[in-house]
Amino acid sequence: MTRQEGWQHRHVHANGIRFHYVEAGRGFPVIFLHGFPELWYSWRYQLPALAAAGLRAIAPDLRGYGDTDKPPRIEDYDIHHLVGDVVGLMDALDIEKAALVGHDWGGIIVWMVAVMHPQRVERLVSLNVPYRGRPGFPPTARLREMVESGAQQFNYVLVFQEPGRAEGIFAQDLPGRLRRLYDGVAGRPDFLSDEDFQVFLQAFQEGGLTGPLNYYRNIDRNWETTQHLHEQQVTCPALVVMTDKDPVLRPEMAEGMERWVPALRLEMLRDCGHWTQQERPEDVNRLLLDFLGDLARR
């Protein structure tokens, strides 16, 4: 387990719930948003690197995860709540403008914050998640068509739709199923030590997976309630990092993104799967500091 002096574990109320977050360093704020099924701990390599470069690195547990509150209703996890969490967290921490870094679901969220609250986003970094004018997933009817046409990598999203179904599957053998989930979409399964795996496992043993799974159960709701954002551009400078061995978020999904993100920088990491910042931390840190490092002088 990577532990660093200077990490601060804190709690704050924002957008109606209590958040746990970890903070390191001082300077221009950079907020890190993790994906499914992860935690703030997914950014354990990035927090000290950015703090050492003169930036204020902040990594919350998203709603439903870790030591952050877990609201009970499915609709409590729609994109409007998730975006509201980021803005609310910034307000609670007296941050007017920040750089946002997201991976997986965190990537979906940072794109939507930039679309819905562009005045709050200085720069944006998305790992593995491209932006194409709407929230990250099309409606489930379209996903079913894609799966029936052979895109089996999205079948898990359909399995997650029925409340309780996926929870029951994970409950049969949470350690084994969680470990296989991590290993199955990794470029190199040894990226996660047994000690690090225990951090994630303990969190989901204690907090369950219903909150995290509810993100997926709002796909249709997100699509229906963001019609007004169709084709909306992201105007801030954005760095997108794709990988060649992510079996779900394939690198070709980022092709043509300049239509929606005019100030786009696109990078590719080879020999890397889905857990990019954990599989290739030195490369991710290098790209982050190259893209965000000058903000330390502000």
Protein backbone atom coordinates (compact mmCIF):
# COMPACT_ATOMS: atom_id res chain seq x y z
CA MET A 1 0.00 0.00 0.00
CA THR A 2 1.37 3.41 -0.94
CA ARG A 3 1.20 5.82 2.02
CA GLN A 4 2.57 9.34 1.83
CA GLU A 5 3.28 11.92 4.50
CA GLY A 6 1.13 14.97 4.02
CA TRP A 7 -2.10 13.24 3.01
CA GLN A 8 -5.04 14.76 4.85
CA HIS A 9 -8.28 12.82 5.28
CA ARG A 10 -11.18 15.24 5.62
CA HIS A 11 -14.97 15.39 5.53
CA VAL A 12 -17.26 18.11 4.26
CA HIS A 13 -20.98 18.52 3.59
CA ALA A 14 -21.79 19.36 -0.03
CA ASN A 15 -24.89 19.03 -2.21
CA GLY A 16 -26.84 17.62 0.71
CA ILE A 17 -24.51 14.75 1.68
CA ARG A 18 -21.28 14.19 3.60
CA PHE A 19 -18.15 13.61 1.53
CA HIS A 20 -14.88 12.02 2.47
CA TYR A 21 -11.90 13.31 0.54
CA VAL A 22 -8.13 13.16 0.67
CA GLU A 23 -6.02 16.22 0.03
CA ALA A 24 -2.32 16.85 -0.53
CA GLY A 25 -0.35 19.98 -1.32
CA ARG A 26 -1.17 23.62 -1.77
CA GLY A 27 -1.70 25.75 -4.84
CA PHE A 28 -4.10 25.66 -7.76
CA PRO A 29 -6.74 22.98 -7.08
CA VAL A 30 -6.90 19.77 -9.10
CA ILE A 31 -9.87 17.51 -8.30
CA PHE A 32 -9.63 13.79 -9.09
CA LEU A 33 -12.78 11.72 -9.69
CA HIS A 34 -12.52 7.92 -9.66
CA GLY A 35 -14.55 5.34 -11.54
CA PHE A 36 -16.33 2.01 -10.92
CA PRO A 37 -15.68 0.15 -8.70
CA GLU A 38 -12.95 2.27 -7.15
CA LEU A 39 -12.20 4.87 -4.46
CA TRP A 40 -10.17 8.00 -3.86
CA TYR A 41 -7.33 5.47 -3.38
CA SER A 42 -7.20 4.94 -7.15
CA TRP A 43 -5.26 8.25 -7.26
CA ARG A 44 -2.68 7.25 -4.64
CA TYR A 45 0.17 7.73 -7.13
CA GLN A 46 -1.06 11.06 -8.48
CA LEU A 47 -1.74 12.91 -5.20
CA PRO A 48 1.89 13.12 -4.03
CA ALA A 49 3.21 13.85 -7.53
CA LEU A 50 0.97 16.86 -8.04
CA ALA A 51 1.46 18.08 -4.49
CA ALA A 52 5.22 17.99 -5.00
CA ALA A 53 4.76 20.07 -8.16
CA GLY A 54 3.02 22.86 -6.23
CA LEU A 55 -0.60 21.93 -6.85
CA ARG A 56 -3.47 21.19 -4.46
CA ALA A 57 -4.61 17.65 -5.19
CA ILE A 58 -8.07 16.64 -3.96
CA ALA A 59 -9.56 13.16 -4.36
CA PRO A 60 -13.03 12.45 -2.95
CA ASP A 61 -14.86 9.20 -2.58
CA LEU A 62 -17.81 9.75 -4.94
CA ARG A 63 -21.35 9.43 -3.60
CA GLY A 64 -22.14 5.82 -2.79
CA TYR A 65 -18.47 4.95 -2.30
CA GLY A 66 -16.10 4.52 0.61
CA ASP A 67 -16.66 6.87 3.51
CA THR A 68 -18.95 9.22 1.56
CA ASP A 69 -22.70 9.08 2.14
CA LYS A 70 -24.79 6.55 0.22
CA PRO A 71 -28.26 7.97 -0.55
CA PRO A 72 -30.96 5.29 -0.89
CA ARG A 73 -32.80 6.13 -4.12
CA ILE A 74 -31.67 5.14 -7.61
CA GLU A 75 -32.36 8.64 -8.93
CA ASP A 76 -30.00 10.06 -6.30
CA TYR A 77 -27.21 8.90 -8.60
CA ASP A 78 -28.22 10.57 -11.87
CA ILE A 79 -25.85 12.87 -13.75
CA HIS A 80 -27.39 16.01 -12.26
CA HIS A 81 -26.61 14.84 -8.72
CA LEU A 82 -23.10 13.78 -9.75
CA VAL A 83 -22.35 17.10 -11.39
CA GLY A 84 -23.93 18.90 -8.44
CA ASP A 85 -21.58 17.01 -6.13
CA VAL A 86 -18.50 18.41 -7.87
CA VAL A 87 -19.80 21.96 -7.90
CA GLY A 88 -21.01 21.60 -4.31
CA LEU A 89 -17.63 20.25 -3.21
CA MET A 90 -15.90 23.19 -4.86
CA ASP A 91 -18.26 25.62 -3.16
CA ALA A 92 -17.73 23.96 0.23
CA LEU A 93 -13.96 24.24 -0.20
CA ASP A 94 -14.13 27.85 -1.46
CA ILE A 95 -12.78 26.86 -4.89
CA GLU A 96 -13.97 29.12 -7.68
CA LYS A 97 -12.25 27.29 -10.52
CA ALA A 98 -10.38 24.00 -10.70
CA ALA A 99 -8.76 21.54 -13.05
CA LEU A 100 -10.76 18.30 -13.15
CA VAL A 101 -9.28 14.84 -13.71
CA GLY A 102 -11.57 11.84 -14.17
CA HIS A 103 -11.34 8.15 -14.96
CA ASP A 104 -14.19 5.84 -16.04
CA TRP A 105 -17.38 7.25 -14.42
CA GLY A 106 -15.26 10.09 -13.12
CA GLY A 107 -14.45 10.88 -16.74
CA ILE A 108 -18.15 11.04 -17.61
CA ILE A 109 -18.71 13.40 -14.70
CA VAL A 110 -15.88 15.81 -15.51
CA TRP A 111 -17.11 16.17 -19.11
CA MET A 112 -20.59 17.00 -17.90
CA VAL A 113 -19.32 19.51 -15.33
CA ALA A 114 -17.43 21.24 -18.13
CA VAL A 115 -20.59 21.34 -20.25
CA MET A 116 -23.02 22.39 -17.53
CA HIS A 117 -20.71 24.70 -15.53
CA PRO A 118 -17.93 25.76 -17.92
CA GLN A 119 -17.03 28.78 -15.79
CA ARG A 120 -15.87 26.45 -13.00
CA VAL A 121 -13.43 24.36 -15.08
CA GLU A 122 -9.97 25.64 -15.94
CA ARG A 123 -8.77 22.46 -17.66
CA LEU A 124 -9.99 18.90 -17.98
CA VAL A 125 -8.29 15.52 -18.11
CA SER A 126 -10.18 12.33 -18.95
CA LEU A 127 -8.57 8.91 -18.75
CA ASN A 128 -10.09 6.35 -21.14
CA VAL A 129 -13.40 8.24 -21.58
CA PRO A 130 -13.96 10.28 -24.76
CA TYR A 131 -16.67 12.93 -25.14
CA ARG A 132 -19.12 12.90 -28.02
CA GLY A 133 -21.74 15.47 -27.15
CA ARG A 134 -23.82 13.66 -24.50
CA PRO A 135 -23.41 11.67 -21.24
CA GLY A 136 -21.12 8.68 -21.46
CA PHE A 137 -23.65 5.96 -22.27
CA PRO A 138 -26.43 5.87 -24.87
CA PRO A 139 -29.86 4.67 -23.68
CA THR A 140 -30.19 1.01 -22.78
CA ALA A 141 -32.25 0.27 -25.92
CA ARG A 142 -29.28 1.33 -28.02
CA LEU A 143 -26.90 -0.68 -25.83
CA ARG A 144 -29.02 -3.80 -26.38
CA GLU A 145 -28.79 -3.28 -30.13
CA MET A 146 -25.02 -2.92 -29.83
CA VAL A 147 -24.70 -6.09 -27.75
CA GLU A 148 -26.91 -8.04 -30.17
CA SER A 149 -24.68 -6.81 -32.99
CA GLY A 150 -21.63 -8.23 -31.27
CA ALA A 151 -20.43 -5.51 -28.89
CA GLN A 152 -20.43 -7.89 -25.93
CA GLN A 153 -18.16 -5.60 -23.90
CA PHE A 154 -21.23 -3.55 -22.97
CA ASN A 155 -23.34 -6.48 -21.76
CA TYR A 156 -22.32 -5.83 -18.16
CA VAL A 157 -24.15 -2.48 -18.28
CA LEU A 158 -27.38 -4.30 -19.10
CA VAL A 159 -26.80 -6.84 -16.31
CA PHE A 160 -26.41 -3.93 -13.88
CA GLN A 161 -29.83 -2.46 -14.72
CA GLU A 162 -32.08 -4.64 -12.53
CA PRO A 163 -31.88 -3.58 -8.86
CA GLY A 164 -30.43 -6.37 -6.74
CA ARG A 165 -29.30 -8.64 -9.58
CA ALA A 166 -25.68 -7.57 -9.78
CA GLU A 167 -25.49 -7.17 -6.01
CA GLY A 168 -26.49 -10.83 -5.71
CA ILE A 169 -23.87 -11.92 -8.20
CA PHE A 170 -21.09 -10.05 -6.38
CA ALA A 171 -22.32 -11.32 -2.99
CA GLN A 172 -21.76 -14.95 -4.04
CA ASP A 173 -18.01 -14.33 -3.85
CA LEU A 174 -17.14 -10.66 -3.44
CA PRO A 175 -13.34 -11.11 -3.12
CA GLY A 176 -13.15 -13.39 -6.13
CA ARG A 177 -15.55 -11.50 -8.37
CA LEU A 178 -14.05 -8.12 -7.54
CA ARG A 179 -10.54 -9.38 -8.18
CA ARG A 180 -11.58 -10.94 -11.50
CA LEU A 181 -13.26 -7.69 -12.51
CA TYR A 182 -10.03 -5.75 -11.91
CA ASP A 183 -7.82 -8.34 -13.58
CA GLY A 184 -10.15 -8.90 -16.53
CA VAL A 185 -9.80 -5.42 -17.98
CA ALA A 186 -6.21 -4.75 -16.96
CA GLY A 187 -3.31 -4.75 -19.35
CA ARG A 188 -1.23 -6.39 -16.62
CA PRO A 189 -3.09 -8.03 -13.71
CA ASP A 190 -0.12 -7.50 -11.39
CA PHE A 191 -0.83 -3.75 -11.31
CA LEU A 192 -2.77 -4.20 -8.05
CA SER A 193 -0.94 -5.70 -5.08
CA ASP A 194 -2.78 -7.88 -2.59
CA GLU A 195 -2.43 -5.10 -0.01
CA ASP A 196 -3.92 -2.50 -2.34
CA PHE A 197 -6.72 -4.88 -3.32
CA GLN A 198 -7.68 -5.19 0.33
CA VAL A 199 -8.30 -1.43 0.50
CA PHE A 200 -10.94 -1.71 -2.22
CA LEU A 201 -12.36 -5.00 -0.95
CA GLN A 202 -12.84 -3.71 2.58
CA ALA A 203 -14.64 -0.62 1.32
CA PHE A 204 -17.16 -2.65 -0.68
CA GLN A 205 -17.59 -5.22 2.07
CA GLU A 206 -18.54 -2.41 4.42
CA GLY A 207 -20.46 -0.12 2.07
CA GLY A 208 -21.88 -2.48 -0.51
CA LEU A 209 -22.17 -1.97 -4.26
CA THR A 210 -25.72 -0.66 -4.61
CA GLY A 211 -24.69 3.00 -4.73
CA PRO A 212 -21.98 2.43 -7.36
CA LEU A 213 -24.32 0.24 -9.44
CA ASN A 214 -27.02 2.91 -9.31
CA TYR A 215 -24.86 5.10 -11.55
CA TYR A 216 -25.58 2.63 -14.36
CA ARG A 217 -29.28 2.48 -13.50
CA ASN A 218 -29.62 6.14 -14.45
CA ILE A 219 -28.40 5.80 -18.03
CA ASP A 220 -31.84 6.27 -19.57
CA ARG A 221 -32.70 9.06 -17.14
CA ASN A 222 -29.44 10.83 -17.94
CA TRP A 223 -30.14 10.61 -21.67
CA GLU A 224 -33.68 11.90 -21.34
CA THR A 225 -32.81 14.82 -19.07
CA THR A 226 -29.87 16.13 -21.10
CA GLN A 227 -31.54 16.64 -24.46
CA HIS A 228 -30.72 20.34 -24.19
CA LEU A 229 -27.00 19.50 -24.10
CA HIS A 230 -27.04 17.64 -27.42
CA GLU A 231 -23.93 18.54 -29.45
CA GLN A 232 -22.69 20.91 -26.72
CA GLN A 233 -18.96 21.59 -27.01
CA VAL A 234 -16.38 21.54 -24.23
CA THR A 235 -14.48 24.77 -24.62
CA CYS A 236 -11.73 24.49 -22.00
CA PRO A 237 -8.36 22.86 -22.84
CA ALA A 238 -8.75 19.09 -22.47
CA LEU A 239 -6.33 16.18 -22.33
CA VAL A 240 -7.69 12.73 -23.17
CA VAL A 241 -5.57 9.66 -22.50
CA MET A 242 -6.66 6.45 -24.22
CA THR A 243 -5.04 3.03 -23.91
CA ASP A 244 -4.55 0.17 -26.33
CA LYS A 245 -5.66 -2.69 -24.04
CA ASP A 246 -8.87 -1.35 -22.53
CA PRO A 247 -11.40 -3.92 -23.80
CA VAL A 248 -14.42 -1.66 -23.17
CA LEU A 249 -13.31 1.90 -23.90
CA ARG A 250 -11.47 1.29 -27.12
CA PRO A 251 -9.05 3.94 -28.42
CA GLU A 252 -10.95 4.37 -31.69
CA MET A 253 -13.85 5.79 -29.66
CA ALA A 254 -11.86 9.03 -29.40
CA GLU A 255 -11.60 9.52 -33.16
CA GLY A 256 -13.12 12.78 -34.37
CA MET A 257 -13.46 14.24 -30.89
CA GLU A 258 -12.22 17.64 -32.08
CA ARG A 259 -15.79 18.32 -33.27
CA TRP A 260 -16.90 18.50 -29.63
CA VAL A 261 -13.60 19.47 -27.97
CA PRO A 262 -11.80 22.08 -30.07
CA ALA A 263 -8.89 22.51 -27.61
CA LEU A 264 -8.13 18.78 -27.48
CA ARG A 265 -4.85 17.04 -26.74
CA LEU A 266 -5.10 13.30 -27.33
CA GLU A 267 -2.50 10.86 -25.98
CA MET A 268 -2.19 7.08 -26.23
CA LEU A 269 -0.57 4.77 -23.68
CA ARG A 270 0.57 1.42 -25.02
CA ASP A 271 0.52 -1.85 -23.10
CA CYS A 272 -2.10 -0.47 -20.71
CA GLY A 273 -5.61 -1.60 -19.86
CA HIS A 274 -8.53 0.10 -18.15
CA TRP A 275 -6.98 1.09 -14.79
CA THR A 276 -4.71 3.63 -16.40
CA GLN A 277 -3.50 5.76 -13.48
CA GLN A 278 -2.79 2.62 -11.46
CA GLU A 279 -1.26 0.56 -14.26
CA ARG A 280 0.98 3.30 -15.64
CA PRO A 281 1.32 5.85 -12.82
CA GLU A 282 4.63 7.36 -13.95
CA ASP A 283 3.37 7.98 -17.48
CA VAL A 284 0.08 9.42 -16.23
CA ASN A 285 1.91 11.69 -13.79
CA ARG A 286 4.20 12.88 -16.57
CA LEU A 287 1.25 13.74 -18.81
CA LEU A 288 -0.65 15.43 -15.97
CA LEU A 289 2.30 17.59 -14.98
CA ASP A 290 3.02 18.52 -18.59
CA PHE A 291 -0.61 19.57 -19.05
CA LEU A 292 -1.30 21.12 -15.64
CA GLY A 293 2.10 21.97 -14.21
CA ASP A 294 2.07 25.65 -15.17
CA LEU A 295 -1.05 26.16 -13.02
CA ALA A 296 1.24 25.89 -9.98
CA ARG A 297 2.53 29.38 -10.82
CA ARG A 298 -0.92 30.96 -10.53
